[in-house]
């Protein structure tokens, strides 16, 4: 598995786990164009408490996204 796929899977699992705890808002919009191509838009928001907790543990929740 390449680095991008691994990061995508890890990020997805983190989002799922966080979404189940109620600390995250997640929205996915999938658009299929008439020519068969598509576009996926993902947006999510973390609560301030979740970000503070991650930083206290020495982790940056947005480190891999930059």
PDB file of N, CA and C in Angstrom:
ATOM      1  N   UNK A   1       0.857  -1.172   0.000  1.00  0.00           N
ATOM      2  CA  UNK A   1       0.000   0.000   0.000  1.00  0.00           C
ATOM      3  C   UNK A   1       0.903   1.236   0.000  1.00  0.00           C
ATOM      4  N   UNK A   2       0.626   2.159  -0.931  1.00  0.00           N
ATOM      5  CA  UNK A   2       1.482   3.345  -0.994  1.00  0.00           C
ATOM      6  C   UNK A   2       1.166   4.317   0.140  1.00  0.00           C
ATOM      7  N   UNK A   3       1.983   5.325   0.261  1.00  0.00           N
ATOM      8  CA  UNK A   3       1.871   6.260   1.393  1.00  0.00           C
ATOM      9  C   UNK A   3       0.542   7.008   1.379  1.00  0.00           C
ATOM     10  N   UNK A   4       0.090   7.435   0.186  1.00  0.00           N
ATOM     11  CA  UNK A   4      -1.165   8.167   0.082  1.00  0.00           C
ATOM     12  C   UNK A   4      -2.339   7.296   0.536  1.00  0.00           C
ATOM     13  N   UNK A   5      -2.396   6.068   0.063  1.00  0.00           N
ATOM     14  CA  UNK A   5      -3.490   5.172   0.436  1.00  0.00           C
ATOM     15  C   UNK A   5      -3.467   4.888   1.932  1.00  0.00           C
ATOM     16  N   UNK A   6      -2.282   4.696   2.477  1.00  0.00           N
ATOM     17  CA  UNK A   6      -2.146   4.426   3.911  1.00  0.00           C
ATOM     18  C   UNK A   6      -2.626   5.629   4.733  1.00  0.00           C
ATOM     19  N   UNK A   7      -2.221   6.828   4.314  1.00  0.00           N
ATOM     20  CA  UNK A   7      -2.665   8.042   5.007  1.00  0.00           C
ATOM     21  C   UNK A   7      -4.172   8.219   4.895  1.00  0.00           C
ATOM     22  N   UNK A   8      -4.720   7.903   3.721  1.00  0.00           N
ATOM     23  CA  UNK A   8      -6.156   8.031   3.501  1.00  0.00           C
ATOM     24  C   UNK A   8      -6.926   7.067   4.411  1.00  0.00           C
ATOM     25  N   UNK A   9      -6.459   5.838   4.524  1.00  0.00           N
ATOM     26  CA  UNK A   9      -7.110   4.845   5.379  1.00  0.00           C
ATOM     27  C   UNK A   9      -7.028   5.256   6.845  1.00  0.00           C
ATOM     28  N   UNK A  10      -5.861   5.692   7.287  1.00  0.00           N
ATOM     29  CA  UNK A  10      -5.682   6.112   8.678  1.00  0.00           C
ATOM     30  C   UNK A  10      -6.570   7.310   8.989  1.00  0.00           C
ATOM     31  N   UNK A  11      -6.585   8.288   8.082  1.00  0.00           N
ATOM     32  CA  UNK A  11      -7.434   9.463   8.282  1.00  0.00           C
ATOM     33  C   UNK A  11      -8.896   9.070   8.326  1.00  0.00           C
ATOM     34  N   UNK A  12      -9.304   8.171   7.438  1.00  0.00           N
ATOM     35  CA  UNK A  12     -10.688   7.700   7.434  1.00  0.00           C
ATOM     36  C   UNK A  12     -11.070   7.007   8.723  1.00  0.00           C
ATOM     37  N   UNK A  13     -10.185   6.180   9.240  1.00  0.00           N
ATOM     38  CA  UNK A  13     -10.458   5.490  10.499  1.00  0.00           C
ATOM     39  C   UNK A  13     -10.525   6.464  11.666  1.00  0.00           C
ATOM     40  N   UNK A  14      -9.649   7.466  11.653  1.00  0.00           N
ATOM     41  CA  UNK A  14      -9.688   8.474  12.709  1.00  0.00           C
ATOM     42  C   UNK A  14     -10.996   9.261  12.639  1.00  0.00           C
ATOM     43  N   UNK A  15     -11.422   9.608  11.439  1.00  0.00           N
ATOM     44  CA  UNK A  15     -12.683  10.338  11.276  1.00  0.00           C
ATOM     45  C   UNK A  15     -13.861   9.511  11.750  1.00  0.00           C
ATOM     46  N   UNK A  16     -13.865   8.242  11.392  1.00  0.00           N
ATOM     47  CA  UNK A  16     -14.958   7.361  11.809  1.00  0.00           C
ATOM     48  C   UNK A  16     -15.007   7.230  13.320  1.00  0.00           C
ATOM     49  N   UNK A  17     -13.861   6.986  13.937  1.00  0.00           N
ATOM     50  CA  UNK A  17     -13.825   6.839  15.388  1.00  0.00           C
ATOM     51  C   UNK A  17     -14.259   8.119  16.087  1.00  0.00           C
ATOM     52  N   UNK A  18     -13.803   9.246  15.562  1.00  0.00           N
ATOM     53  CA  UNK A  18     -14.153  10.519  16.166  1.00  0.00           C
ATOM     54  C   UNK A  18     -15.625  10.841  15.947  1.00  0.00           C
ATOM     55  N   UNK A  19     -16.142  10.515  14.767  1.00  0.00           N
ATOM     56  CA  UNK A  19     -17.554  10.786  14.472  1.00  0.00           C
ATOM     57  C   UNK A  19     -18.464   9.997  15.409  1.00  0.00           C
ATOM     58  N   UNK A  20     -18.037   8.810  15.761  1.00  0.00           N
ATOM     59  CA  UNK A  20     -18.856   7.991  16.659  1.00  0.00           C
ATOM     60  C   UNK A  20     -18.882   8.534  18.081  1.00  0.00           C
ATOM     61  N   UNK A  21     -17.932   9.386  18.428  1.00  0.00           N
ATOM     62  CA  UNK A  21     -17.901   9.968  19.767  1.00  0.00           C
ATOM     63  C   UNK A  21     -18.610  11.313  19.827  1.00  0.00           C
ATOM     64  N   UNK A  22     -19.023  11.847  18.687  1.00  0.00           N
ATOM     65  CA  UNK A  22     -19.758  13.104  18.657  1.00  0.00           C
ATOM     66  C   UNK A  22     -18.880  14.336  18.684  1.00  0.00           C
ATOM     67  N   UNK A  23     -17.583  14.188  18.496  1.00  0.00           N
ATOM     68  CA  UNK A  23     -16.670  15.326  18.551  1.00  0.00           C
ATOM     69  C   UNK A  23     -16.360  15.884  17.165  1.00  0.00           C
ATOM     70  N   UNK A  24     -17.029  15.378  16.158  1.00  0.00           N
ATOM     71  CA  UNK A  24     -16.702  15.776  14.799  1.00  0.00           C
ATOM     72  C   UNK A  24     -17.974  15.936  13.979  1.00  0.00           C
ATOM     73  N   UNK A  25     -17.918  16.869  13.047  1.00  0.00           N
ATOM     74  CA  UNK A  25     -18.971  17.011  12.049  1.00  0.00           C
ATOM     75  C   UNK A  25     -18.344  16.635  10.726  1.00  0.00           C
ATOM     76  N   UNK A  26     -19.024  15.788   9.955  1.00  0.00           N
ATOM     77  CA  UNK A  26     -18.477  15.240   8.731  1.00  0.00           C
ATOM     78  C   UNK A  26     -19.523  15.345   7.634  1.00  0.00           C
ATOM     79  N   UNK A  27     -19.102  15.774   6.452  1.00  0.00           N
ATOM     80  CA  UNK A  27     -20.013  15.876   5.323  1.00  0.00           C
ATOM     81  C   UNK A  27     -19.291  15.409   4.069  1.00  0.00           C
ATOM     82  N   UNK A  28     -19.963  14.566   3.274  1.00  0.00           N
ATOM     83  CA  UNK A  28     -19.405  14.089   2.023  1.00  0.00           C
ATOM     84  C   UNK A  28     -20.421  14.335   0.924  1.00  0.00           C
ATOM     85  N   UNK A  29     -19.976  14.983  -0.150  1.00  0.00           N
ATOM     86  CA  UNK A  29     -20.828  15.236  -1.306  1.00  0.00           C
ATOM     87  C   UNK A  29     -20.162  14.588  -2.506  1.00  0.00           C
ATOM     88  N   UNK A  30     -20.873  13.670  -3.163  1.00  0.00           N
ATOM     89  CA  UNK A  30     -20.360  12.996  -4.342  1.00  0.00           C
ATOM     90  C   UNK A  30     -21.163  13.463  -5.552  1.00  0.00           C
ATOM     91  N   UNK A  31     -20.466  13.929  -6.582  1.00  0.00           N
ATOM     92  CA  UNK A  31     -21.115  14.403  -7.796  1.00  0.00           C
ATOM     93  C   UNK A  31     -20.599  13.583  -8.967  1.00  0.00           C
ATOM     94  N   UNK A  32     -21.520  13.005  -9.731  1.00  0.00           N
ATOM     95  CA  UNK A  32     -21.164  12.259 -10.934  1.00  0.00           C
ATOM     96  C   UNK A  32     -21.549  13.120 -12.133  1.00  0.00           C
ATOM     97  N   UNK A  33     -20.577  13.403 -12.967  1.00  0.00           N
ATOM     98  CA  UNK A  33     -20.783  14.246 -14.144  1.00  0.00           C
ATOM     99  C   UNK A  33     -21.390  13.415 -15.273  1.00  0.00           C
ATOM    100  N   UNK A  34     -22.048  14.067 -16.253  1.00  0.00           N
ATOM    101  CA  UNK A  34     -22.654  13.344 -17.375  1.00  0.00           C
ATOM    102  C   UNK A  34     -21.657  12.508 -18.182  1.00  0.00           C
ATOM    103  N   UNK A  35     -20.382  12.905 -18.203  1.00  0.00           N
ATOM    104  CA  UNK A  35     -19.390  12.146 -18.968  1.00  0.00           C
ATOM    105  C   UNK A  35     -18.829  10.949 -18.193  1.00  0.00           C
ATOM    106  N   UNK A  36     -19.331  10.716 -16.973  1.00  0.00           N
ATOM    107  CA  UNK A  36     -18.898   9.575 -16.172  1.00  0.00           C
ATOM    108  C   UNK A  36     -17.814   9.907 -15.167  1.00  0.00           C
ATOM    109  N   UNK A  37     -17.226  11.082 -15.264  1.00  0.00           N
ATOM    110  CA  UNK A  37     -16.229  11.484 -14.271  1.00  0.00           C
ATOM    111  C   UNK A  37     -16.954  11.906 -13.001  1.00  0.00           C
ATOM    112  N   UNK A  38     -16.211  12.151 -11.964  1.00  0.00           N
ATOM    113  CA  UNK A  38     -16.858  12.501 -10.708  1.00  0.00           C
ATOM    114  C   UNK A  38     -16.003  13.396  -9.844  1.00  0.00           C
ATOM    115  N   UNK A  39     -16.637  13.856  -8.799  1.00  0.00           N
ATOM    116  CA  UNK A  39     -15.962  14.732  -7.844  1.00  0.00           C
ATOM    117  C   UNK A  39     -16.485  14.374  -6.461  1.00  0.00           C
ATOM    118  N   UNK A  40     -15.571  14.285  -5.499  1.00  0.00           N
ATOM    119  CA  UNK A  40     -15.940  14.022  -4.116  1.00  0.00           C
ATOM    120  C   UNK A  40     -15.437  15.191  -3.270  1.00  0.00           C
ATOM    121  N   UNK A  41     -16.334  15.768  -2.505  1.00  0.00           N
ATOM    122  CA  UNK A  41     -15.968  16.845  -1.593  1.00  0.00           C
ATOM    123  C   UNK A  41     -16.156  16.351  -0.169  1.00  0.00           C
ATOM    124  N   UNK A  42     -15.102  16.420   0.623  1.00  0.00           N
ATOM    125  CA  UNK A  42     -15.154  16.023   2.023  1.00  0.00           C
ATOM    126  C   UNK A  42     -14.887  17.243   2.886  1.00  0.00           C
ATOM    127  N   UNK A  43     -15.699  17.418   3.897  1.00  0.00           N
ATOM    128  CA  UNK A  43     -15.431  18.480   4.855  1.00  0.00           C
ATOM    129  C   UNK A  43     -15.715  17.939   6.250  1.00  0.00           C
ATOM    130  N   UNK A  44     -14.899  18.358   7.183  1.00  0.00           N
ATOM    131  CA  UNK A  44     -15.106  17.944   8.560  1.00  0.00           C
ATOM    132  C   UNK A  44     -14.626  19.022   9.505  1.00  0.00           C
ATOM    133  N   UNK A  45     -15.181  18.994  10.687  1.00  0.00           N
ATOM    134  CA  UNK A  45     -14.804  19.963  11.715  1.00  0.00           C
ATOM    135  C   UNK A  45     -14.620  19.232  13.034  1.00  0.00           C
ATOM    136  N   UNK A  46     -13.572  19.589  13.744  1.00  0.00           N
ATOM    137  CA  UNK A  46     -13.322  19.030  15.067  1.00  0.00           C
ATOM    138  C   UNK A  46     -13.705  20.057  16.118  1.00  0.00           C
ATOM    139  N   UNK A  47     -14.187  19.581  17.236  1.00  0.00           N
ATOM    140  CA  UNK A  47     -14.499  20.500  18.322  1.00  0.00           C
ATOM    141  C   UNK A  47     -13.200  21.045  18.908  1.00  0.00           C
ATOM    142  N   UNK A  48     -13.292  22.215  19.507  1.00  0.00           N
ATOM    143  CA  UNK A  48     -12.114  22.834  20.129  1.00  0.00           C
ATOM    144  C   UNK A  48     -11.531  21.919  21.201  1.00  0.00           C
ATOM    145  N   UNK A  49     -12.385  21.226  21.933  1.00  0.00           N
ATOM    146  CA  UNK A  49     -11.913  20.326  22.992  1.00  0.00           C
ATOM    147  C   UNK A  49     -11.109  19.169  22.410  1.00  0.00           C
ATOM    148  N   UNK A  50     -11.546  18.651  21.261  1.00  0.00           N
ATOM    149  CA  UNK A  50     -10.842  17.540  20.631  1.00  0.00           C
ATOM    150  C   UNK A  50      -9.459  17.978  20.154  1.00  0.00           C
ATOM    151  N   UNK A  51      -9.373  19.176  19.585  1.00  0.00           N
ATOM    152  CA  UNK A  51      -8.081  19.697  19.125  1.00  0.00           C
ATOM    153  C   UNK A  51      -7.152  19.920  20.314  1.00  0.00           C
ATOM    154  N   UNK A  52      -7.675  20.507  21.386  1.00  0.00           N
ATOM    155  CA  UNK A  52      -6.858  20.754  22.582  1.00  0.00           C
ATOM    156  C   UNK A  52      -6.358  19.445  23.177  1.00  0.00           C
ATOM    157  N   UNK A  53      -7.212  18.440  23.225  1.00  0.00           N
ATOM    158  CA  UNK A  53      -6.825  17.146  23.778  1.00  0.00           C
ATOM    159  C   UNK A  53      -5.713  16.515  22.934  1.00  0.00           C
ATOM    160  N   UNK A  54      -5.823  16.599  21.612  1.00  0.00           N
ATOM    161  CA  UNK A  54      -4.789  16.044  20.735  1.00  0.00           C
ATOM    162  C   UNK A  54      -3.461  16.745  20.944  1.00  0.00           C
ATOM    163  N   UNK A  55      -3.495  18.064  21.060  1.00  0.00           N
ATOM    164  CA  UNK A  55      -2.259  18.822  21.237  1.00  0.00           C
ATOM    165  C   UNK A  55      -1.626  18.554  22.595  1.00  0.00           C
ATOM    166  N   UNK A  56      -2.447  18.310  23.622  1.00  0.00           N
ATOM    167  CA  UNK A  56      -1.907  17.958  24.946  1.00  0.00           C
ATOM    168  C   UNK A  56      -1.153  16.640  24.895  1.00  0.00           C
ATOM    169  N   UNK A  57      -1.585  15.741  24.018  1.00  0.00           N
ATOM    170  CA  UNK A  57      -0.934  14.443  23.877  1.00  0.00           C
ATOM    171  C   UNK A  57       0.232  14.498  22.901  1.00  0.00           C
ATOM    172  N   UNK A  58       0.542  15.701  22.410  1.00  0.00           N
ATOM    173  CA  UNK A  58       1.676  15.857  21.517  1.00  0.00           C
ATOM    174  C   UNK A  58       1.380  15.489  20.080  1.00  0.00           C
ATOM    175  N   UNK A  59       0.115  15.454  19.689  1.00  0.00           N
ATOM    176  CA  UNK A  59      -0.254  15.102  18.328  1.00  0.00           C
ATOM    177  C   UNK A  59      -0.953  16.287  17.672  1.00  0.00           C
ATOM    178  N   UNK A  60      -0.705  16.462  16.385  1.00  0.00           N
ATOM    179  CA  UNK A  60      -1.389  17.487  15.611  1.00  0.00           C
ATOM    180  C   UNK A  60      -2.370  16.764  14.689  1.00  0.00           C
ATOM    181  N   UNK A  61      -3.680  16.936  14.866  1.00  0.00           N
ATOM    182  CA  UNK A  61      -4.643  16.204  14.041  1.00  0.00           C
ATOM    183  C   UNK A  61      -4.590  16.581  12.576  1.00  0.00           C
ATOM    184  N   UNK A  62      -3.942  17.672  12.214  1.00  0.00           N
ATOM    185  CA  UNK A  62      -3.885  18.101  10.830  1.00  0.00           C
ATOM    186  C   UNK A  62      -2.496  17.950  10.214  1.00  0.00           C
ATOM    187  N   UNK A  63      -1.603  17.282  10.919  1.00  0.00           N
ATOM    188  CA  UNK A  63      -0.216  17.152  10.467  1.00  0.00           C
ATOM    189  C   UNK A  63      -0.096  16.513   9.091  1.00  0.00           C
ATOM    190  N   UNK A  64      -0.814  15.430   8.834  1.00  0.00           N
ATOM    191  CA  UNK A  64      -0.668  14.710   7.576  1.00  0.00           C
ATOM    192  C   UNK A  64      -1.401  15.372   6.423  1.00  0.00           C
ATOM    193  N   UNK A  65      -2.212  16.370   6.705  1.00  0.00           N
ATOM    194  CA  UNK A  65      -3.006  17.003   5.659  1.00  0.00           C
ATOM    195  C   UNK A  65      -2.314  18.185   5.016  1.00  0.00           C
ATOM    196  N   UNK A  66      -1.231  18.634   5.583  1.00  0.00           N
ATOM    197  CA  UNK A  66      -0.569  19.807   5.000  1.00  0.00           C
ATOM    198  C   UNK A  66       0.445  19.412   3.952  1.00  0.00           C
TER     199      UNK A  66
END
